[in-house]
Amino acid sequence: PEKYQKFKREFDTLMSGAAQYAGMRPRINTDTQQTVDALY
């Protein structure tokens, strides 16, 4: 349960950031898209 809570917070934070990025992705240049896509 302890590790679950740690990973759950990290997972939720990552998914939240990815969703936010997905909303702005079409307005970003291709090079930046490729870089940030690779990061996620």
ModelCIF file with pLDDT and N, C-alpha, C, O atoms, coordinates in Angstrom:
data_MODEL
#
_entry.id   MODEL 
#
_entity.id                         1 
_entity.type                       polymer 
_entity.pdbx_number_of_molecules   1 
#
_entity_poly.entity_id                      1 
_entity_poly.type                           'polypeptide(L)' 
_entity_poly.nstd_linkage                   no 
_entity_poly.nstd_monomer                   no 
_entity_poly.pdbx_seq_one_letter_code       PEKYQKFKREFDTLMSGAAQYAGMRPRINTDTQQTVDALY 
_entity_poly.pdbx_seq_one_letter_code_can   PEKYQKFKREFDTLMSGAAQYAGMRPRINTDTQQTVDALY 
_entity_poly.pdbx_strand_id                 A 
#
loop_
_entity_poly_seq.entity_id 
_entity_poly_seq.num 
_entity_poly_seq.mon_id 
_entity_poly_seq.hetero 
1 1  PRO n 
1 2  GLU n 
1 3  LYS n 
1 4  TYR n 
1 5  GLN n 
1 6  LYS n 
1 7  PHE n 
1 8  LYS n 
1 9  ARG n 
1 10 GLU n 
1 11 PHE n 
1 12 ASP n 
1 13 THR n 
1 14 LEU n 
1 15 MET n 
1 16 SER n 
1 17 GLY n 
1 18 ALA n 
1 19 ALA n 
1 20 GLN n 
1 21 TYR n 
1 22 ALA n 
1 23 GLY n 
1 24 MET n 
1 25 ARG n 
1 26 PRO n 
1 27 ARG n 
1 28 ILE n 
1 29 ASN n 
1 30 THR n 
1 31 ASP n 
1 32 THR n 
1 33 GLN n 
1 34 GLN n 
1 35 THR n 
1 36 VAL n 
1 37 ASP n 
1 38 ALA n 
1 39 LEU n 
1 40 TYR n 
#
_struct_asym.id          A 
_struct_asym.entity_id   1 
#
loop_
_ma_qa_metric.id 
_ma_qa_metric.mode 
_ma_qa_metric.name 
_ma_qa_metric.software_group_id 
_ma_qa_metric.type 
1 global pLDDT . pLDDT 
2 local  pLDDT . pLDDT 
#
_ma_qa_metric_global.metric_id      1 
_ma_qa_metric_global.metric_value   95.62 
_ma_qa_metric_global.model_id       1 
_ma_qa_metric_global.ordinal_id     1 
#
loop_
_ma_qa_metric_local.label_asym_id 
_ma_qa_metric_local.label_comp_id 
_ma_qa_metric_local.label_seq_id 
_ma_qa_metric_local.metric_id 
_ma_qa_metric_local.metric_value 
_ma_qa_metric_local.model_id 
_ma_qa_metric_local.ordinal_id 
A PRO 1  2 94.00 1 1  
A GLU 2  2 95.00 1 2  
A LYS 3  2 96.00 1 3  
A TYR 4  2 97.00 1 4  
A GLN 5  2 97.00 1 5  
A LYS 6  2 97.00 1 6  
A PHE 7  2 97.00 1 7  
A LYS 8  2 97.00 1 8  
A ARG 9  2 97.00 1 9  
A GLU 10 2 97.00 1 10 
A PHE 11 2 96.00 1 11 
A ASP 12 2 96.00 1 12 
A THR 13 2 97.00 1 13 
A LEU 14 2 96.00 1 14 
A MET 15 2 94.00 1 15 
A SER 16 2 95.00 1 16 
A GLY 17 2 96.00 1 17 
A ALA 18 2 94.00 1 18 
A ALA 19 2 95.00 1 19 
A GLN 20 2 96.00 1 20 
A TYR 21 2 95.00 1 21 
A ALA 22 2 94.00 1 22 
A GLY 23 2 95.00 1 23 
A MET 24 2 95.00 1 24 
A ARG 25 2 94.00 1 25 
A PRO 26 2 95.00 1 26 
A ARG 27 2 96.00 1 27 
A ILE 28 2 94.00 1 28 
A ASN 29 2 96.00 1 29 
A THR 30 2 95.00 1 30 
A ASP 31 2 96.00 1 31 
A THR 32 2 96.00 1 32 
A GLN 33 2 95.00 1 33 
A GLN 34 2 95.00 1 34 
A THR 35 2 97.00 1 35 
A VAL 36 2 96.00 1 36 
A ASP 37 2 95.00 1 37 
A ALA 38 2 95.00 1 38 
A LEU 39 2 97.00 1 39 
A TYR 40 2 95.00 1 40 
#
loop_
_atom_site.group_PDB 
_atom_site.id 
_atom_site.type_symbol 
_atom_site.label_atom_id 
_atom_site.label_alt_id 
_atom_site.label_comp_id 
_atom_site.label_asym_id 
_atom_site.label_entity_id 
_atom_site.label_seq_id 
_atom_site.pdbx_PDB_ins_code 
_atom_site.Cartn_x 
_atom_site.Cartn_y 
_atom_site.Cartn_z 
_atom_site.occupancy 
_atom_site.B_iso_or_equiv 
_atom_site.pdbx_formal_charge 
_atom_site.auth_seq_id 
_atom_site.auth_comp_id 
_atom_site.auth_asym_id 
_atom_site.auth_atom_id 
_atom_site.pdbx_PDB_model_num 
ATOM 1   N N  . PRO A 1 1  ? 0.796  -1.232 0.000   1.00 94.00 ? 1  PRO A N  1 
ATOM 2   C CA . PRO A 1 1  ? 0.000  0.000  0.000   1.00 94.00 ? 1  PRO A CA 1 
ATOM 3   C C  . PRO A 1 1  ? 0.831  1.287  0.000   1.00 94.00 ? 1  PRO A C  1 
ATOM 4   O O  . PRO A 1 1  ? 0.429  2.272  -0.619  1.00 94.00 ? 1  PRO A O  1 
ATOM 5   N N  . GLU A 1 2  ? 1.975  1.297  0.677   1.00 95.00 ? 2  GLU A N  1 
ATOM 6   C CA . GLU A 1 2  ? 2.810  2.511  0.715   1.00 95.00 ? 2  GLU A CA 1 
ATOM 7   C C  . GLU A 1 2  ? 3.373  2.830  -0.671  1.00 95.00 ? 2  GLU A C  1 
ATOM 8   O O  . GLU A 1 2  ? 3.316  3.967  -1.138  1.00 95.00 ? 2  GLU A O  1 
ATOM 9   N N  . LYS A 1 3  ? 3.913  1.807  -1.306  1.00 96.00 ? 3  LYS A N  1 
ATOM 10  C CA . LYS A 1 3  ? 4.465  2.029  -2.646  1.00 96.00 ? 3  LYS A CA 1 
ATOM 11  C C  . LYS A 1 3  ? 3.355  2.340  -3.634  1.00 96.00 ? 3  LYS A C  1 
ATOM 12  O O  . LYS A 1 3  ? 3.544  3.121  -4.567  1.00 96.00 ? 3  LYS A O  1 
ATOM 13  N N  . TYR A 1 4  ? 2.183  1.719  -3.424  1.00 97.00 ? 4  TYR A N  1 
ATOM 14  C CA . TYR A 1 4  ? 1.041  2.022  -4.279  1.00 97.00 ? 4  TYR A CA 1 
ATOM 15  C C  . TYR A 1 4  ? 0.737  3.514  -4.235  1.00 97.00 ? 4  TYR A C  1 
ATOM 16  O O  . TYR A 1 4  ? 0.557  4.138  -5.281  1.00 97.00 ? 4  TYR A O  1 
ATOM 17  N N  . GLN A 1 5  ? 0.676  4.097  -3.035  1.00 97.00 ? 5  GLN A N  1 
ATOM 18  C CA . GLN A 1 5  ? 0.372  5.523  -2.904  1.00 97.00 ? 5  GLN A CA 1 
ATOM 19  C C  . GLN A 1 5  ? 1.413  6.380  -3.610  1.00 97.00 ? 5  GLN A C  1 
ATOM 20  O O  . GLN A 1 5  ? 1.070  7.355  -4.280  1.00 97.00 ? 5  GLN A O  1 
ATOM 21  N N  . LYS A 1 6  ? 2.677  6.022  -3.463  1.00 97.00 ? 6  LYS A N  1 
ATOM 22  C CA . LYS A 1 6  ? 3.766  6.762  -4.113  1.00 97.00 ? 6  LYS A CA 1 
ATOM 23  C C  . LYS A 1 6  ? 3.621  6.708  -5.634  1.00 97.00 ? 6  LYS A C  1 
ATOM 24  O O  . LYS A 1 6  ? 3.656  7.736  -6.311  1.00 97.00 ? 6  LYS A O  1 
ATOM 25  N N  . PHE A 1 7  ? 3.459  5.491  -6.157  1.00 97.00 ? 7  PHE A N  1 
ATOM 26  C CA . PHE A 1 7  ? 3.334  5.330  -7.604  1.00 97.00 ? 7  PHE A CA 1 
ATOM 27  C C  . PHE A 1 7  ? 2.038  5.943  -8.134  1.00 97.00 ? 7  PHE A C  1 
ATOM 28  O O  . PHE A 1 7  ? 2.011  6.483  -9.239  1.00 97.00 ? 7  PHE A O  1 
ATOM 29  N N  . LYS A 1 8  ? 0.977  5.860  -7.357  1.00 97.00 ? 8  LYS A N  1 
ATOM 30  C CA . LYS A 1 8  ? -0.317 6.424  -7.780  1.00 97.00 ? 8  LYS A CA 1 
ATOM 31  C C  . LYS A 1 8  ? -0.199 7.934  -7.944  1.00 97.00 ? 8  LYS A C  1 
ATOM 32  O O  . LYS A 1 8  ? -0.687 8.492  -8.926  1.00 97.00 ? 8  LYS A O  1 
ATOM 33  N N  . ARG A 1 9  ? 0.448  8.600  -6.982  1.00 97.00 ? 9  ARG A N  1 
ATOM 34  C CA . ARG A 1 9  ? 0.649  10.053 -7.096  1.00 97.00 ? 9  ARG A CA 1 
ATOM 35  C C  . ARG A 1 9  ? 1.475  10.388 -8.335  1.00 97.00 ? 9  ARG A C  1 
ATOM 36  O O  . ARG A 1 9  ? 1.146  11.304 -9.089  1.00 97.00 ? 9  ARG A O  1 
ATOM 37  N N  . GLU A 1 10 ? 2.551  9.630  -8.532  1.00 97.00 ? 10 GLU A N  1 
ATOM 38  C CA . GLU A 1 10 ? 3.424  9.871  -9.684  1.00 97.00 ? 10 GLU A CA 1 
ATOM 39  C C  . GLU A 1 10 ? 2.673  9.618  -10.998 1.00 97.00 ? 10 GLU A C  1 
ATOM 40  O O  . GLU A 1 10 ? 2.800  10.395 -11.944 1.00 97.00 ? 10 GLU A O  1 
ATOM 41  N N  . PHE A 1 11 ? 1.896  8.536  -11.057 1.00 96.00 ? 11 PHE A N  1 
ATOM 42  C CA . PHE A 1 11 ? 1.124  8.192  -12.245 1.00 96.00 ? 11 PHE A CA 1 
ATOM 43  C C  . PHE A 1 11 ? 0.102  9.279  -12.551 1.00 96.00 ? 11 PHE A C  1 
ATOM 44  O O  . PHE A 1 11 ? -0.012 9.732  -13.690 1.00 96.00 ? 11 PHE A O  1 
ATOM 45  N N  . ASP A 1 12 ? -0.647 9.697  -11.520 1.00 96.00 ? 12 ASP A N  1 
ATOM 46  C CA . ASP A 1 12 ? -1.665 10.733 -11.717 1.00 96.00 ? 12 ASP A CA 1 
ATOM 47  C C  . ASP A 1 12 ? -1.048 12.051 -12.172 1.00 96.00 ? 12 ASP A C  1 
ATOM 48  O O  . ASP A 1 12 ? -1.599 12.727 -13.041 1.00 96.00 ? 12 ASP A O  1 
ATOM 49  N N  . THR A 1 13 ? 0.088  12.418 -11.591 1.00 97.00 ? 13 THR A N  1 
ATOM 50  C CA . THR A 1 13 ? 0.773  13.649 -11.979 1.00 97.00 ? 13 THR A CA 1 
ATOM 51  C C  . THR A 1 13 ? 1.229  13.573 -13.432 1.00 97.00 ? 13 THR A C  1 
ATOM 52  O O  . THR A 1 13 ? 1.070  14.526 -14.195 1.00 97.00 ? 13 THR A O  1 
ATOM 53  N N  . LEU A 1 14 ? 1.791  12.440 -13.801 1.00 96.00 ? 14 LEU A N  1 
ATOM 54  C CA . LEU A 1 14 ? 2.259  12.249 -15.173 1.00 96.00 ? 14 LEU A CA 1 
ATOM 55  C C  . LEU A 1 14 ? 1.100  12.296 -16.161 1.00 96.00 ? 14 LEU A C  1 
ATOM 56  O O  . LEU A 1 14 ? 1.206  12.945 -17.202 1.00 96.00 ? 14 LEU A O  1 
ATOM 57  N N  . MET A 1 15 ? 0.011  11.628 -15.857 1.00 94.00 ? 15 MET A N  1 
ATOM 58  C CA . MET A 1 15 ? -1.148 11.618 -16.753 1.00 94.00 ? 15 MET A CA 1 
ATOM 59  C C  . MET A 1 15 ? -1.791 13.006 -16.852 1.00 94.00 ? 15 MET A C  1 
ATOM 60  O O  . MET A 1 15 ? -2.263 13.401 -17.919 1.00 94.00 ? 15 MET A O  1 
ATOM 61  N N  . SER A 1 16 ? -1.806 13.729 -15.756 1.00 95.00 ? 16 SER A N  1 
ATOM 62  C CA . SER A 1 16 ? -2.334 15.088 -15.770 1.00 95.00 ? 16 SER A CA 1 
ATOM 63  C C  . SER A 1 16 ? -1.484 15.987 -16.678 1.00 95.00 ? 16 SER A C  1 
ATOM 64  O O  . SER A 1 16 ? -2.012 16.753 -17.483 1.00 95.00 ? 16 SER A O  1 
ATOM 65  N N  . GLY A 1 17 ? -0.163 15.878 -16.531 1.00 96.00 ? 17 GLY A N  1 
ATOM 66  C CA . GLY A 1 17 ? 0.735  16.658 -17.380 1.00 96.00 ? 17 GLY A CA 1 
ATOM 67  C C  . GLY A 1 17 ? 0.596  16.284 -18.843 1.00 96.00 ? 17 GLY A C  1 
ATOM 68  O O  . GLY A 1 17 ? 0.621  17.152 -19.715 1.00 96.00 ? 17 GLY A O  1 
ATOM 69  N N  . ALA A 1 18 ? 0.447  14.986 -19.117 1.00 94.00 ? 18 ALA A N  1 
ATOM 70  C CA . ALA A 1 18 ? 0.298  14.524 -20.499 1.00 94.00 ? 18 ALA A CA 1 
ATOM 71  C C  . ALA A 1 18 ? -1.008 15.036 -21.102 1.00 94.00 ? 18 ALA A C  1 
ATOM 72  O O  . ALA A 1 18 ? -1.047 15.418 -22.272 1.00 94.00 ? 18 ALA A O  1 
ATOM 73  N N  . ALA A 1 19 ? -2.064 15.043 -20.311 1.00 95.00 ? 19 ALA A N  1 
ATOM 74  C CA . ALA A 1 19 ? -3.352 15.546 -20.810 1.00 95.00 ? 19 ALA A CA 1 
ATOM 75  C C  . ALA A 1 19 ? -3.271 17.042 -21.095 1.00 95.00 ? 19 ALA A C  1 
ATOM 76  O O  . ALA A 1 19 ? -3.798 17.520 -22.099 1.00 95.00 ? 19 ALA A O  1 
ATOM 77  N N  . GLN A 1 20 ? -2.618 17.763 -20.219 1.00 96.00 ? 20 GLN A N  1 
ATOM 78  C CA . GLN A 1 20 ? -2.449 19.204 -20.425 1.00 96.00 ? 20 GLN A CA 1 
ATOM 79  C C  . GLN A 1 20 ? -1.618 19.459 -21.690 1.00 96.00 ? 20 GLN A C  1 
ATOM 80  O O  . GLN A 1 20 ? -1.958 20.323 -22.498 1.00 96.00 ? 20 GLN A O  1 
ATOM 81  N N  . TYR A 1 21 ? -0.540 18.709 -21.852 1.00 95.00 ? 21 TYR A N  1 
ATOM 82  C CA . TYR A 1 21 ? 0.311  18.847 -23.036 1.00 95.00 ? 21 TYR A CA 1 
ATOM 83  C C  . TYR A 1 21 ? -0.470 18.499 -24.306 1.00 95.00 ? 21 TYR A C  1 
ATOM 84  O O  . TYR A 1 21 ? -0.329 19.178 -25.323 1.00 95.00 ? 21 TYR A O  1 
ATOM 85  N N  . ALA A 1 22 ? -1.287 17.451 -24.253 1.00 94.00 ? 22 ALA A N  1 
ATOM 86  C CA . ALA A 1 22 ? -2.060 17.036 -25.427 1.00 94.00 ? 22 ALA A CA 1 
ATOM 87  C C  . ALA A 1 22 ? -2.975 18.159 -25.912 1.00 94.00 ? 22 ALA A C  1 
ATOM 88  O O  . ALA A 1 22 ? -3.212 18.296 -27.112 1.00 94.00 ? 22 ALA A O  1 
ATOM 89  N N  . GLY A 1 23 ? -3.485 18.956 -24.982 1.00 95.00 ? 23 GLY A N  1 
ATOM 90  C CA . GLY A 1 23 ? -4.356 20.068 -25.358 1.00 95.00 ? 23 GLY A CA 1 
ATOM 91  C C  . GLY A 1 23 ? -3.632 21.182 -26.091 1.00 95.00 ? 23 GLY A C  1 
ATOM 92  O O  . GLY A 1 23 ? -4.230 21.874 -26.915 1.00 95.00 ? 23 GLY A O  1 
ATOM 93  N N  . MET A 1 24 ? -2.362 21.362 -25.801 1.00 95.00 ? 24 MET A N  1 
ATOM 94  C CA . MET A 1 24 ? -1.620 22.442 -26.461 1.00 95.00 ? 24 MET A CA 1 
ATOM 95  C C  . MET A 1 24 ? -0.716 21.943 -27.582 1.00 95.00 ? 24 MET A C  1 
ATOM 96  O O  . MET A 1 24 ? -0.169 22.745 -28.339 1.00 95.00 ? 24 MET A O  1 
ATOM 97  N N  . ARG A 1 25 ? -0.556 20.641 -27.694 1.00 94.00 ? 25 ARG A N  1 
ATOM 98  C CA . ARG A 1 25 ? 0.369  20.048 -28.665 1.00 94.00 ? 25 ARG A CA 1 
ATOM 99  C C  . ARG A 1 25 ? 0.176  20.549 -30.091 1.00 94.00 ? 25 ARG A C  1 
ATOM 100 O O  . ARG A 1 25 ? 1.168  20.836 -30.761 1.00 94.00 ? 25 ARG A O  1 
ATOM 101 N N  . PRO A 1 26 ? -1.061 20.667 -30.589 1.00 95.00 ? 26 PRO A N  1 
ATOM 102 C CA . PRO A 1 26 ? -1.226 21.109 -31.983 1.00 95.00 ? 26 PRO A CA 1 
ATOM 103 C C  . PRO A 1 26 ? -0.671 22.517 -32.266 1.00 95.00 ? 26 PRO A C  1 
ATOM 104 O O  . PRO A 1 26 ? -0.405 22.852 -33.420 1.00 95.00 ? 26 PRO A O  1 
ATOM 105 N N  . ARG A 1 27 ? -0.500 23.319 -31.249 1.00 96.00 ? 27 ARG A N  1 
ATOM 106 C CA . ARG A 1 27 ? -0.021 24.695 -31.456 1.00 96.00 ? 27 ARG A CA 1 
ATOM 107 C C  . ARG A 1 27 ? 1.498  24.812 -31.323 1.00 96.00 ? 27 ARG A C  1 
ATOM 108 O O  . ARG A 1 27 ? 2.046  25.912 -31.391 1.00 96.00 ? 27 ARG A O  1 
ATOM 109 N N  . ILE A 1 28 ? 2.168  23.689 -31.136 1.00 94.00 ? 28 ILE A N  1 
ATOM 110 C CA . ILE A 1 28 ? 3.609  23.691 -30.904 1.00 94.00 ? 28 ILE A CA 1 
ATOM 111 C C  . ILE A 1 28 ? 4.312  23.192 -32.166 1.00 94.00 ? 28 ILE A C  1 
ATOM 112 O O  . ILE A 1 28 ? 3.779  22.347 -32.885 1.00 94.00 ? 28 ILE A O  1 
ATOM 113 N N  . ASN A 1 29 ? 5.523  23.725 -32.435 1.00 96.00 ? 29 ASN A N  1 
ATOM 114 C CA . ASN A 1 29 ? 6.235  23.303 -33.649 1.00 96.00 ? 29 ASN A CA 1 
ATOM 115 C C  . ASN A 1 29 ? 6.639  21.833 -33.573 1.00 96.00 ? 29 ASN A C  1 
ATOM 116 O O  . ASN A 1 29 ? 6.715  21.250 -32.491 1.00 96.00 ? 29 ASN A O  1 
ATOM 117 N N  . THR A 1 30 ? 6.892  21.255 -34.724 1.00 95.00 ? 30 THR A N  1 
ATOM 118 C CA . THR A 1 30 ? 7.148  19.824 -34.844 1.00 95.00 ? 30 THR A CA 1 
ATOM 119 C C  . THR A 1 30 ? 8.356  19.359 -34.038 1.00 95.00 ? 30 THR A C  1 
ATOM 120 O O  . THR A 1 30 ? 8.299  18.309 -33.399 1.00 95.00 ? 30 THR A O  1 
ATOM 121 N N  . ASP A 1 31 ? 9.438  20.118 -34.056 1.00 96.00 ? 31 ASP A N  1 
ATOM 122 C CA . ASP A 1 31 ? 10.624 19.716 -33.292 1.00 96.00 ? 31 ASP A CA 1 
ATOM 123 C C  . ASP A 1 31 ? 10.322 19.631 -31.799 1.00 96.00 ? 31 ASP A C  1 
ATOM 124 O O  . ASP A 1 31 ? 10.738 18.687 -31.128 1.00 96.00 ? 31 ASP A O  1 
ATOM 125 N N  . THR A 1 32 ? 9.603  20.614 -31.289 1.00 96.00 ? 32 THR A N  1 
ATOM 126 C CA . THR A 1 32 ? 9.239  20.605 -29.875 1.00 96.00 ? 32 THR A CA 1 
ATOM 127 C C  . THR A 1 32 ? 8.297  19.442 -29.581 1.00 96.00 ? 32 THR A C  1 
ATOM 128 O O  . THR A 1 32 ? 8.430  18.779 -28.553 1.00 96.00 ? 32 THR A O  1 
ATOM 129 N N  . GLN A 1 33 ? 7.348  19.192 -30.476 1.00 95.00 ? 33 GLN A N  1 
ATOM 130 C CA . GLN A 1 33 ? 6.439  18.054 -30.304 1.00 95.00 ? 33 GLN A CA 1 
ATOM 131 C C  . GLN A 1 33 ? 7.210  16.753 -30.184 1.00 95.00 ? 33 GLN A C  1 
ATOM 132 O O  . GLN A 1 33 ? 6.955  15.958 -29.279 1.00 95.00 ? 33 GLN A O  1 
ATOM 133 N N  . GLN A 1 34 ? 8.143  16.533 -31.082 1.00 95.00 ? 34 GLN A N  1 
ATOM 134 C CA . GLN A 1 34 ? 8.914  15.295 -31.065 1.00 95.00 ? 34 GLN A CA 1 
ATOM 135 C C  . GLN A 1 34 ? 9.702  15.153 -29.763 1.00 95.00 ? 34 GLN A C  1 
ATOM 136 O O  . GLN A 1 34 ? 9.785  14.064 -29.195 1.00 95.00 ? 34 GLN A O  1 
ATOM 137 N N  . THR A 1 35 ? 10.274 16.253 -29.298 1.00 97.00 ? 35 THR A N  1 
ATOM 138 C CA . THR A 1 35 ? 11.069 16.228 -28.070 1.00 97.00 ? 35 THR A CA 1 
ATOM 139 C C  . THR A 1 35 ? 10.192 15.936 -26.859 1.00 97.00 ? 35 THR A C  1 
ATOM 140 O O  . THR A 1 35 ? 10.518 15.073 -26.044 1.00 97.00 ? 35 THR A O  1 
ATOM 141 N N  . VAL A 1 36 ? 9.090  16.649 -26.742 1.00 96.00 ? 36 VAL A N  1 
ATOM 142 C CA . VAL A 1 36 ? 8.211  16.471 -25.577 1.00 96.00 ? 36 VAL A CA 1 
ATOM 143 C C  . VAL A 1 36 ? 7.503  15.114 -25.643 1.00 96.00 ? 36 VAL A C  1 
ATOM 144 O O  . VAL A 1 36 ? 7.297  14.475 -24.611 1.00 96.00 ? 36 VAL A O  1 
ATOM 145 N N  . ASP A 1 37 ? 7.129  14.673 -26.845 1.00 95.00 ? 37 ASP A N  1 
ATOM 146 C CA . ASP A 1 37 ? 6.547  13.330 -26.988 1.00 95.00 ? 37 ASP A CA 1 
ATOM 147 C C  . ASP A 1 37 ? 7.517  12.280 -26.467 1.00 95.00 ? 37 ASP A C  1 
ATOM 148 O O  . ASP A 1 37 ? 7.130  11.370 -25.733 1.00 95.00 ? 37 ASP A O  1 
ATOM 149 N N  . ALA A 1 38 ? 8.784  12.417 -26.857 1.00 95.00 ? 38 ALA A N  1 
ATOM 150 C CA . ALA A 1 38 ? 9.809  11.463 -26.405 1.00 95.00 ? 38 ALA A CA 1 
ATOM 151 C C  . ALA A 1 38 ? 9.967  11.519 -24.886 1.00 95.00 ? 38 ALA A C  1 
ATOM 152 O O  . ALA A 1 38 ? 10.143 10.488 -24.236 1.00 95.00 ? 38 ALA A O  1 
ATOM 153 N N  . LEU A 1 39 ? 9.905  12.719 -24.330 1.00 97.00 ? 39 LEU A N  1 
ATOM 154 C CA . LEU A 1 39 ? 10.022 12.871 -22.877 1.00 97.00 ? 39 LEU A CA 1 
ATOM 155 C C  . LEU A 1 39 ? 8.883  12.136 -22.166 1.00 97.00 ? 39 LEU A C  1 
ATOM 156 O O  . LEU A 1 39 ? 9.125  11.385 -21.222 1.00 97.00 ? 39 LEU A O  1 
ATOM 157 N N  . TYR A 1 40 ? 7.642  12.347 -22.616 1.00 95.00 ? 40 TYR A N  1 
ATOM 158 C CA . TYR A 1 40 ? 6.508  11.670 -21.983 1.00 95.00 ? 40 TYR A CA 1 
ATOM 159 C C  . TYR A 1 40 ? 6.563  10.167 -22.200 1.00 95.00 ? 40 TYR A C  1 
ATOM 160 O O  . TYR A 1 40 ? 5.683  9.443  -21.733 1.00 95.00 ? 40 TYR A O  1 
#
